[in-house]
PDB file of N, CA and C in Angstrom:
ATOM      1  N   MET A   1     -25.214   0.027  68.260  1.00  0.00           N
ATOM      2  CA  MET A   1     -24.124  -0.889  68.056  1.00  0.00           C
ATOM      3  C   MET A   1     -24.119  -1.406  66.623  1.00  0.00           C
ATOM      4  N   LYS A   2     -25.293  -1.685  66.104  1.00  0.00           N
ATOM      5  CA  LYS A   2     -25.396  -2.136  64.727  1.00  0.00           C
ATOM      6  C   LYS A   2     -24.875  -1.060  63.786  1.00  0.00           C
ATOM      7  N   HIS A   3     -25.140   0.149  64.127  1.00  0.00           N
ATOM      8  CA  HIS A   3     -24.695   1.274  63.317  1.00  0.00           C
ATOM      9  C   HIS A   3     -23.165   1.327  63.271  1.00  0.00           C
ATOM     10  N   ASN A   4     -22.540   1.123  64.405  1.00  0.00           N
ATOM     11  CA  ASN A   4     -21.080   1.132  64.514  1.00  0.00           C
ATOM     12  C   ASN A   4     -20.469  -0.038  63.746  1.00  0.00           C
ATOM     13  N   ASN A   5     -21.133  -1.190  63.811  1.00  0.00           N
ATOM     14  CA  ASN A   5     -20.675  -2.388  63.102  1.00  0.00           C
ATOM     15  C   ASN A   5     -20.748  -2.168  61.596  1.00  0.00           C
ATOM     16  N   ASN A   6     -21.830  -1.554  61.139  1.00  0.00           N
ATOM     17  CA  ASN A   6     -21.985  -1.263  59.720  1.00  0.00           C
ATOM     18  C   ASN A   6     -20.927  -0.274  59.248  1.00  0.00           C
ATOM     19  N   GLU A   7     -20.646   0.709  60.090  1.00  0.00           N
ATOM     20  CA  GLU A   7     -19.610   1.676  59.729  1.00  0.00           C
ATOM     21  C   GLU A   7     -18.255   0.995  59.614  1.00  0.00           C
ATOM     22  N   SER A   8     -17.991   0.052  60.499  1.00  0.00           N
ATOM     23  CA  SER A   8     -16.729  -0.698  60.448  1.00  0.00           C
ATOM     24  C   SER A   8     -16.642  -1.504  59.155  1.00  0.00           C
ATOM     25  N   LYS A   9     -17.733  -2.134  58.779  1.00  0.00           N
ATOM     26  CA  LYS A   9     -17.766  -2.902  57.535  1.00  0.00           C
ATOM     27  C   LYS A   9     -17.547  -1.985  56.331  1.00  0.00           C
ATOM     28  N   ILE A  10     -18.216  -0.835  56.377  1.00  0.00           N
ATOM     29  CA  ILE A  10     -18.079   0.122  55.272  1.00  0.00           C
ATOM     30  C   ILE A  10     -16.642   0.628  55.199  1.00  0.00           C
ATOM     31  N   ASP A  11     -16.071   0.964  56.350  1.00  0.00           N
ATOM     32  CA  ASP A  11     -14.683   1.439  56.381  1.00  0.00           C
ATOM     33  C   ASP A  11     -13.739   0.365  55.833  1.00  0.00           C
ATOM     34  N   PHE A  12     -13.994  -0.881  56.259  1.00  0.00           N
ATOM     35  CA  PHE A  12     -13.158  -1.988  55.776  1.00  0.00           C
ATOM     36  C   PHE A  12     -13.288  -2.144  54.257  1.00  0.00           C
ATOM     37  N   GLN A  13     -14.502  -2.063  53.765  1.00  0.00           N
ATOM     38  CA  GLN A  13     -14.732  -2.209  52.332  1.00  0.00           C
ATOM     39  C   GLN A  13     -14.132  -1.041  51.552  1.00  0.00           C
ATOM     40  N   VAL A  14     -14.196   0.152  52.117  1.00  0.00           N
ATOM     41  CA  VAL A  14     -13.592   1.309  51.464  1.00  0.00           C
ATOM     42  C   VAL A  14     -12.068   1.116  51.368  1.00  0.00           C
ATOM     43  N   GLU A  15     -11.463   0.639  52.445  1.00  0.00           N
ATOM     44  CA  GLU A  15     -10.019   0.362  52.435  1.00  0.00           C
ATOM     45  C   GLU A  15      -9.682  -0.740  51.429  1.00  0.00           C
ATOM     46  N   GLU A  16     -10.525  -1.763  51.387  1.00  0.00           N
ATOM     47  CA  GLU A  16     -10.302  -2.872  50.451  1.00  0.00           C
ATOM     48  C   GLU A  16     -10.421  -2.382  49.008  1.00  0.00           C
ATOM     49  N   ILE A  17     -11.407  -1.538  48.739  1.00  0.00           N
ATOM     50  CA  ILE A  17     -11.581  -0.979  47.389  1.00  0.00           C
ATOM     51  C   ILE A  17     -10.374  -0.118  47.025  1.00  0.00           C
ATOM     52  N   ALA A  18      -9.906   0.682  47.963  1.00  0.00           N
ATOM     53  CA  ALA A  18      -8.736   1.536  47.716  1.00  0.00           C
ATOM     54  C   ALA A  18      -7.506   0.672  47.426  1.00  0.00           C
ATOM     55  N   SER A  19      -7.346  -0.391  48.173  1.00  0.00           N
ATOM     56  CA  SER A  19      -6.216  -1.302  47.963  1.00  0.00           C
ATOM     57  C   SER A  19      -6.312  -1.978  46.594  1.00  0.00           C
ATOM     58  N   LEU A  20      -7.502  -2.461  46.271  1.00  0.00           N
ATOM     59  CA  LEU A  20      -7.705  -3.116  44.974  1.00  0.00           C
ATOM     60  C   LEU A  20      -7.526  -2.122  43.824  1.00  0.00           C
ATOM     61  N   THR A  21      -7.961  -0.888  44.021  1.00  0.00           N
ATOM     62  CA  THR A  21      -7.779   0.149  42.997  1.00  0.00           C
ATOM     63  C   THR A  21      -6.292   0.416  42.787  1.00  0.00           C
ATOM     64  N   GLY A  22      -5.540   0.478  43.879  1.00  0.00           N
ATOM     65  CA  GLY A  22      -4.085   0.663  43.782  1.00  0.00           C
ATOM     66  C   GLY A  22      -3.427  -0.497  43.046  1.00  0.00           C
ATOM     67  N   GLN A  23      -3.840  -1.710  43.380  1.00  0.00           N
ATOM     68  CA  GLN A  23      -3.298  -2.891  42.704  1.00  0.00           C
ATOM     69  C   GLN A  23      -3.646  -2.871  41.209  1.00  0.00           C
ATOM     70  N   LEU A  24      -4.878  -2.455  40.926  1.00  0.00           N
ATOM     71  CA  LEU A  24      -5.307  -2.368  39.520  1.00  0.00           C
ATOM     72  C   LEU A  24      -4.471  -1.337  38.765  1.00  0.00           C
ATOM     73  N   ASP A  25      -4.199  -0.209  39.404  1.00  0.00           N
ATOM     74  CA  ASP A  25      -3.357   0.816  38.771  1.00  0.00           C
ATOM     75  C   ASP A  25      -1.963   0.271  38.476  1.00  0.00           C
ATOM     76  N   ILE A  26      -1.408  -0.443  39.442  1.00  0.00           N
ATOM     77  CA  ILE A  26      -0.073  -1.039  39.252  1.00  0.00           C
ATOM     78  C   ILE A  26      -0.108  -2.038  38.098  1.00  0.00           C
ATOM     79  N   LYS A  27      -1.090  -2.902  38.076  1.00  0.00           N
ATOM     80  CA  LYS A  27      -1.219  -3.915  37.015  1.00  0.00           C
ATOM     81  C   LYS A  27      -1.430  -3.252  35.655  1.00  0.00           C
ATOM     82  N   THR A  28      -2.192  -2.162  35.644  1.00  0.00           N
ATOM     83  CA  THR A  28      -2.424  -1.443  34.388  1.00  0.00           C
ATOM     84  C   THR A  28      -1.122  -0.854  33.858  1.00  0.00           C
ATOM     85  N   LYS A  29      -0.337  -0.246  34.744  1.00  0.00           N
ATOM     86  CA  LYS A  29       0.964   0.307  34.340  1.00  0.00           C
ATOM     87  C   LYS A  29       1.894  -0.796  33.845  1.00  0.00           C
ATOM     88  N   GLU A  30       1.896  -1.929  34.535  1.00  0.00           N
ATOM     89  CA  GLU A  30       2.724  -3.059  34.099  1.00  0.00           C
ATOM     90  C   GLU A  30       2.289  -3.556  32.726  1.00  0.00           C
ATOM     91  N   ALA A  31       0.977  -3.658  32.525  1.00  0.00           N
ATOM     92  CA  ALA A  31       0.462  -4.128  31.233  1.00  0.00           C
ATOM     93  C   ALA A  31       0.839  -3.161  30.115  1.00  0.00           C
ATOM     94  N   LYS A  32       0.740  -1.851  30.389  1.00  0.00           N
ATOM     95  CA  LYS A  32       1.121  -0.859  29.379  1.00  0.00           C
ATOM     96  C   LYS A  32       2.612  -0.948  29.065  1.00  0.00           C
ATOM     97  N   ALA A  33       3.431  -1.133  30.095  1.00  0.00           N
ATOM     98  CA  ALA A  33       4.877  -1.254  29.880  1.00  0.00           C
ATOM     99  C   ALA A  33       5.190  -2.505  29.057  1.00  0.00           C
ATOM    100  N   LYS A  34       4.506  -3.590  29.357  1.00  0.00           N
ATOM    101  CA  LYS A  34       4.728  -4.830  28.603  1.00  0.00           C
ATOM    102  C   LYS A  34       4.240  -4.690  27.163  1.00  0.00           C
ATOM    103  N   ALA A  35       3.130  -4.008  26.977  1.00  0.00           N
ATOM    104  CA  ALA A  35       2.623  -3.786  25.616  1.00  0.00           C
ATOM    105  C   ALA A  35       3.620  -2.945  24.823  1.00  0.00           C
ATOM    106  N   GLN A  36       4.185  -1.919  25.457  1.00  0.00           N
ATOM    107  CA  GLN A  36       5.187  -1.084  24.790  1.00  0.00           C
ATOM    108  C   GLN A  36       6.423  -1.914  24.451  1.00  0.00           C
ATOM    109  N   LYS A  37       6.825  -2.783  25.358  1.00  0.00           N
ATOM    110  CA  LYS A  37       7.985  -3.652  25.115  1.00  0.00           C
ATOM    111  C   LYS A  37       7.697  -4.584  23.936  1.00  0.00           C
ATOM    112  N   ILE A  38       6.478  -5.084  23.852  1.00  0.00           N
ATOM    113  CA  ILE A  38       6.092  -5.955  22.735  1.00  0.00           C
ATOM    114  C   ILE A  38       6.179  -5.191  21.420  1.00  0.00           C
ATOM    115  N   VAL A  39       5.722  -3.935  21.430  1.00  0.00           N
ATOM    116  CA  VAL A  39       5.801  -3.108  20.222  1.00  0.00           C
ATOM    117  C   VAL A  39       7.268  -2.920  19.813  1.00  0.00           C
ATOM    118  N   GLN A  40       8.123  -2.619  20.797  1.00  0.00           N
ATOM    119  CA  GLN A  40       9.548  -2.432  20.506  1.00  0.00           C
ATOM    120  C   GLN A  40      10.179  -3.714  19.972  1.00  0.00           C
ATOM    121  N   MET A  41       9.868  -4.843  20.598  1.00  0.00           N
ATOM    122  CA  MET A  41      10.440  -6.115  20.177  1.00  0.00           C
ATOM    123  C   MET A  41       9.919  -6.520  18.792  1.00  0.00           C
ATOM    124  N   THR A  42       8.666  -6.221  18.525  1.00  0.00           N
ATOM    125  CA  THR A  42       8.102  -6.523  17.209  1.00  0.00           C
ATOM    126  C   THR A  42       8.798  -5.709  16.130  1.00  0.00           C
ATOM    127  N   LYS A  43       9.056  -4.433  16.422  1.00  0.00           N
ATOM    128  CA  LYS A  43       9.769  -3.595  15.462  1.00  0.00           C
ATOM    129  C   LYS A  43      11.183  -4.119  15.255  1.00  0.00           C
ATOM    130  N   LEU A  44      11.845  -4.482  16.337  1.00  0.00           N
ATOM    131  CA  LEU A  44      13.195  -5.035  16.232  1.00  0.00           C
ATOM    132  C   LEU A  44      13.177  -6.325  15.416  1.00  0.00           C
ATOM    133  N   LEU A  45      12.203  -7.165  15.658  1.00  0.00           N
ATOM    134  CA  LEU A  45      12.076  -8.419  14.910  1.00  0.00           C
ATOM    135  C   LEU A  45      11.833  -8.146  13.430  1.00  0.00           C
ATOM    136  N   ASP A  46      10.966  -7.181  13.127  1.00  0.00           N
ATOM    137  CA  ASP A  46      10.708  -6.816  11.730  1.00  0.00           C
ATOM    138  C   ASP A  46      11.980  -6.295  11.063  1.00  0.00           C
ATOM    139  N   ASP A  47      12.735  -5.474  11.795  1.00  0.00           N
ATOM    140  CA  ASP A  47      14.003  -4.959  11.256  1.00  0.00           C
ATOM    141  C   ASP A  47      14.979  -6.098  10.979  1.00  0.00           C
ATOM    142  N   GLN A  48      15.030  -7.060  11.890  1.00  0.00           N
ATOM    143  CA  GLN A  48      15.924  -8.209  11.715  1.00  0.00           C
ATOM    144  C   GLN A  48      15.482  -9.067  10.528  1.00  0.00           C
ATOM    145  N   LYS A  49      14.182  -9.248  10.383  1.00  0.00           N
ATOM    146  CA  LYS A  49      13.667 -10.011   9.236  1.00  0.00           C
ATOM    147  C   LYS A  49      14.034  -9.318   7.932  1.00  0.00           C
ATOM    148  N   PHE A  50      13.892  -7.995   7.907  1.00  0.00           N
ATOM    149  CA  PHE A  50      14.241  -7.231   6.715  1.00  0.00           C
ATOM    150  C   PHE A  50      15.728  -7.390   6.408  1.00  0.00           C
ATOM    151  N   ALA A  51      16.565  -7.257   7.438  1.00  0.00           N
ATOM    152  CA  ALA A  51      18.011  -7.395   7.249  1.00  0.00           C
ATOM    153  C   ALA A  51      18.364  -8.804   6.766  1.00  0.00           C
ATOM    154  N   THR A  52      17.696  -9.802   7.305  1.00  0.00           N
ATOM    155  CA  THR A  52      17.936 -11.187   6.883  1.00  0.00           C
ATOM    156  C   THR A  52      17.528 -11.384   5.427  1.00  0.00           C
ATOM    157  N   ASN A  53      16.399 -10.826   5.049  1.00  0.00           N
ATOM    158  CA  ASN A  53      15.948 -10.933   3.654  1.00  0.00           C
ATOM    159  C   ASN A  53      16.905 -10.215   2.707  1.00  0.00           C
ATOM    160  N   GLU A  54      17.393  -9.050   3.126  1.00  0.00           N
ATOM    161  CA  GLU A  54      18.368  -8.320   2.306  1.00  0.00           C
ATOM    162  C   GLU A  54      19.663  -9.123   2.170  1.00  0.00           C
ATOM    163  N   ALA A  55      20.111  -9.730   3.259  1.00  0.00           N
ATOM    164  CA  ALA A  55      21.329 -10.545   3.220  1.00  0.00           C
ATOM    165  C   ALA A  55      21.130 -11.763   2.312  1.00  0.00           C
ATOM    166  N   ALA A  56      19.962 -12.377   2.379  1.00  0.00           N
ATOM    167  CA  ALA A  56      19.673 -13.533   1.521  1.00  0.00           C
ATOM    168  C   ALA A  56      19.658 -13.106   0.054  1.00  0.00           C
ATOM    169  N   LYS A  57      19.088 -11.942  -0.216  1.00  0.00           N
ATOM    170  CA  LYS A  57      19.064 -11.422  -1.588  1.00  0.00           C
ATOM    171  C   LYS A  57      20.488 -11.157  -2.069  1.00  0.00           C
ATOM    172  N   ASP A  58      21.295 -10.523  -1.218  1.00  0.00           N
ATOM    173  CA  ASP A  58      22.692 -10.256  -1.575  1.00  0.00           C
ATOM    174  C   ASP A  58      23.452 -11.559  -1.797  1.00  0.00           C
ATOM    175  N   ASN A  59      23.187 -12.547  -0.949  1.00  0.00           N
ATOM    176  CA  ASN A  59      23.845 -13.849  -1.068  1.00  0.00           C
ATOM    177  C   ASN A  59      23.490 -14.517  -2.398  1.00  0.00           C
ATOM    178  N   THR A  60      22.227 -14.462  -2.768  1.00  0.00           N
ATOM    179  CA  THR A  60      21.797 -15.037  -4.047  1.00  0.00           C
ATOM    180  C   THR A  60      22.470 -14.317  -5.211  1.00  0.00           C
ATOM    181  N   GLU A  61      22.538 -13.001  -5.125  1.00  0.00           N
ATOM    182  CA  GLU A  61      23.185 -12.210  -6.174  1.00  0.00           C
ATOM    183  C   GLU A  61      24.666 -12.581  -6.299  1.00  0.00           C
ATOM    184  N   LEU A  62      25.327 -12.749  -5.167  1.00  0.00           N
ATOM    185  CA  LEU A  62      26.751 -13.125  -5.195  1.00  0.00           C
ATOM    186  C   LEU A  62      26.940 -14.536  -5.759  1.00  0.00           C
ATOM    187  N   LYS A  63      26.031 -15.445  -5.428  1.00  0.00           N
ATOM    188  CA  LYS A  63      26.113 -16.800  -5.980  1.00  0.00           C
ATOM    189  C   LYS A  63      25.987 -16.760  -7.506  1.00  0.00           C
ATOM    190  N   LEU A  64      25.068 -15.931  -7.997  1.00  0.00           N
ATOM    191  CA  LEU A  64      24.909 -15.810  -9.448  1.00  0.00           C
ATOM    192  C   LEU A  64      26.167 -15.225 -10.087  1.00  0.00           C
ATOM    193  N   LYS A  65      26.754 -14.217  -9.435  1.00  0.00           N
ATOM    194  CA  LYS A  65      27.983 -13.624  -9.966  1.00  0.00           C
ATOM    195  C   LYS A  65      29.125 -14.637  -9.973  1.00  0.00           C
ATOM    196  N   ILE A  66      29.225 -15.447  -8.928  1.00  0.00           N
ATOM    197  CA  ILE A  66      30.256 -16.496  -8.872  1.00  0.00           C
ATOM    198  C   ILE A  66      30.046 -17.482 -10.010  1.00  0.00           C
ATOM    199  N   GLU A  67      28.808 -17.855 -10.245  1.00  0.00           N
ATOM    200  CA  GLU A  67      28.508 -18.791 -11.330  1.00  0.00           C
ATOM    201  C   GLU A  67      28.891 -18.196 -12.683  1.00  0.00           C
ATOM    202  N   ILE A  68      28.637 -16.908 -12.873  1.00  0.00           N
ATOM    203  CA  ILE A  68      29.020 -16.233 -14.121  1.00  0.00           C
ATOM    204  C   ILE A  68      30.534 -16.241 -14.277  1.00  0.00           C
ATOM    205  N   VAL A  69      31.241 -15.935 -13.197  1.00  0.00           N
ATOM    206  CA  VAL A  69      32.715 -15.927 -13.249  1.00  0.00           C
ATOM    207  C   VAL A  69      33.242 -17.325 -13.559  1.00  0.00           C
ATOM    208  N   ARG A  70      32.674 -18.332 -12.923  1.00  0.00           N
ATOM    209  CA  ARG A  70      33.117 -19.720 -13.186  1.00  0.00           C
ATOM    210  C   ARG A  70      32.881 -20.092 -14.651  1.00  0.00           C
ATOM    211  N   ASN A  71      31.697 -19.745 -15.160  1.00  0.00           N
ATOM    212  CA  ASN A  71      31.393 -20.068 -16.555  1.00  0.00           C
ATOM    213  C   ASN A  71      32.316 -19.312 -17.506  1.00  0.00           C
ATOM    214  N   THR A  72      32.571 -18.047 -17.195  1.00  0.00           N
ATOM    215  CA  THR A  72      33.472 -17.255 -18.029  1.00  0.00           C
ATOM    216  C   THR A  72      34.878 -17.845 -17.992  1.00  0.00           C
ATOM    217  N   PHE A  73      35.327 -18.206 -16.804  1.00  0.00           N
ATOM    218  CA  PHE A  73      36.652 -18.800 -16.657  1.00  0.00           C
ATOM    219  C   PHE A  73      36.743 -20.105 -17.445  1.00  0.00           C
ATOM    220  N   GLY A  74      35.692 -20.933 -17.326  1.00  0.00           N
ATOM    221  CA  GLY A  74      35.673 -22.193 -18.074  1.00  0.00           C
ATOM    222  C   GLY A  74      35.727 -21.942 -19.577  1.00  0.00           C
ATOM    223  N   SER A  75      34.996 -20.953 -20.048  1.00  0.00           N
ATOM    224  CA  SER A  75      35.006 -20.618 -21.477  1.00  0.00           C
ATOM    225  C   SER A  75      36.388 -20.142 -21.909  1.00  0.00           C
ATOM    226  N   LEU A  76      37.006 -19.317 -21.071  1.00  0.00           N
ATOM    227  CA  LEU A  76      38.341 -18.806 -21.402  1.00  0.00           C
ATOM    228  C   LEU A  76      39.387 -19.929 -21.406  1.00  0.00           C
ATOM    229  N   GLU A  77      39.266 -20.852 -20.468  1.00  0.00           N
ATOM    230  CA  GLU A  77      40.185 -21.997 -20.457  1.00  0.00           C
ATOM    231  C   GLU A  77      40.011 -22.829 -21.721  1.00  0.00           C
ATOM    232  N   SER A  78      38.759 -23.058 -22.094  1.00  0.00           N
ATOM    233  CA  SER A  78      38.478 -23.833 -23.301  1.00  0.00           C
ATOM    234  C   SER A  78      39.033 -23.122 -24.534  1.00  0.00           C
ATOM    235  N   GLU A  79      38.829 -21.813 -24.616  1.00  0.00           N
ATOM    236  CA  GLU A  79      39.352 -21.029 -25.735  1.00  0.00           C
ATOM    237  C   GLU A  79      40.873 -21.082 -25.771  1.00  0.00           C
ATOM    238  N   LYS A  80      41.506 -21.019 -24.595  1.00  0.00           N
ATOM    239  CA  LYS A  80      42.973 -21.077 -24.523  1.00  0.00           C
ATOM    240  C   LYS A  80      43.474 -22.434 -25.034  1.00  0.00           C
ATOM    241  N   ARG A  81      42.836 -23.516 -24.592  1.00  0.00           N
ATOM    242  CA  ARG A  81      43.243 -24.842 -25.076  1.00  0.00           C
ATOM    243  C   ARG A  81      43.107 -24.923 -26.598  1.00  0.00           C
ATOM    244  N   HIS A  82      42.002 -24.388 -27.106  1.00  0.00           N
ATOM    245  CA  HIS A  82      41.766 -24.389 -28.548  1.00  0.00           C
ATOM    246  C   HIS A  82      42.876 -23.608 -29.275  1.00  0.00           C
ATOM    247  N   LEU A  83      43.208 -22.430 -28.746  1.00  0.00           N
ATOM    248  CA  LEU A  83      44.256 -21.617 -29.373  1.00  0.00           C
ATOM    249  C   LEU A  83      45.624 -22.282 -29.258  1.00  0.00           C
ATOM    250  N   ASP A  84      45.876 -22.932 -28.103  1.00  0.00           N
ATOM    251  CA  ASP A  84      47.147 -23.643 -27.938  1.00  0.00           C
ATOM    252  C   ASP A  84      47.269 -24.769 -28.966  1.00  0.00           C
ATOM    253  N   LEU A  85      46.171 -25.498 -29.170  1.00  0.00           N
ATOM    254  CA  LEU A  85      46.187 -26.571 -30.167  1.00  0.00           C
ATOM    255  C   LEU A  85      46.393 -26.000 -31.566  1.00  0.00           C
ATOM    256  N   GLU A  86      45.715 -24.909 -31.835  1.00  0.00           N
ATOM    257  CA  GLU A  86      45.832 -24.265 -33.140  1.00  0.00           C
ATOM    258  C   GLU A  86      47.260 -23.778 -33.374  1.00  0.00           C
ATOM    259  N   ASN A  87      47.853 -23.174 -32.355  1.00  0.00           N
ATOM    260  CA  ASN A  87      49.236 -22.709 -32.469  1.00  0.00           C
ATOM    261  C   ASN A  87      50.200 -23.886 -32.621  1.00  0.00           C
ATOM    262  N   GLY A  88      49.899 -24.963 -31.912  1.00  0.00           N
ATOM    263  CA  GLY A  88      50.735 -26.170 -32.044  1.00  0.00           C
ATOM    264  C   GLY A  88      50.676 -26.720 -33.459  1.00  0.00           C
ATOM    265  N   ASP A  89      49.472 -26.723 -34.046  1.00  0.00           N
ATOM    266  CA  ASP A  89      49.321 -27.199 -35.420  1.00  0.00           C
ATOM    267  C   ASP A  89      50.089 -26.292 -36.380  1.00  0.00           C
ATOM    268  N   LYS A  90      50.024 -24.986 -36.159  1.00  0.00           N
ATOM    269  CA  LYS A  90      50.739 -24.044 -37.030  1.00  0.00           C
ATOM    270  C   LYS A  90      52.235 -24.235 -36.897  1.00  0.00           C
ATOM    271  N   ALA A  91      52.709 -24.463 -35.674  1.00  0.00           N
ATOM    272  CA  ALA A  91      54.145 -24.677 -35.473  1.00  0.00           C
ATOM    273  C   ALA A  91      54.583 -25.954 -36.168  1.00  0.00           C
ATOM    274  N   SER A  92      53.758 -26.998 -36.130  1.00  0.00           N
ATOM    275  CA  SER A  92      54.087 -28.262 -36.826  1.00  0.00           C
ATOM    276  C   SER A  92      54.155 -28.039 -38.319  1.00  0.00           C
ATOM    277  N   LEU A  93      53.197 -27.268 -38.843  1.00  0.00           N
ATOM    278  CA  LEU A  93      53.194 -26.992 -40.272  1.00  0.00           C
ATOM    279  C   LEU A  93      54.408 -26.170 -40.670  1.00  0.00           C
ATOM    280  N   LEU A  94      54.845 -25.233 -39.865  1.00  0.00           N
ATOM    281  CA  LEU A  94      56.017 -24.414 -40.154  1.00  0.00           C
ATOM    282  C   LEU A  94      57.270 -25.270 -40.160  1.00  0.00           C
ATOM    283  N   GLU A  95      57.349 -26.254 -39.293  1.00  0.00           N
ATOM    284  CA  GLU A  95      58.519 -27.143 -39.276  1.00  0.00           C
ATOM    285  C   GLU A  95      58.572 -27.984 -40.544  1.00  0.00           C
ATOM    286  N   ILE A  96      57.380 -28.376 -41.017  1.00  0.00           N
ATOM    287  CA  ILE A  96      57.338 -29.184 -42.222  1.00  0.00           C
ATOM    288  C   ILE A  96      57.829 -28.388 -43.413  1.00  0.00           C
ATOM    289  N   TYR A  97      57.478 -27.116 -43.533  1.00  0.00           N
ATOM    290  CA  TYR A  97      57.871 -26.281 -44.669  1.00  0.00           C
ATOM    291  C   TYR A  97      59.218 -25.791 -44.427  1.00  0.00           C
TER     292      TYR A  97
END
């Protein structure tokens, strides 16, 4: 009878080990899938960071170009006022003569 009881315990433990092994296999597959997802998400995040940095660089470049255009426009306006005054002075002198 003791022999039969021991066999029952062994059979139960063998079934329990098989069940735990199956659960471990499932958990291992899940962990691998999650690790792969992390790798994919990390790559996507790196790509997004790169794109954001490129956009920031482009934005800075455009801001500098806008500043150059504004300064050029301001210089041209100033030059135009100067020429208008100069032409006005010449017209006044021509009226005098």
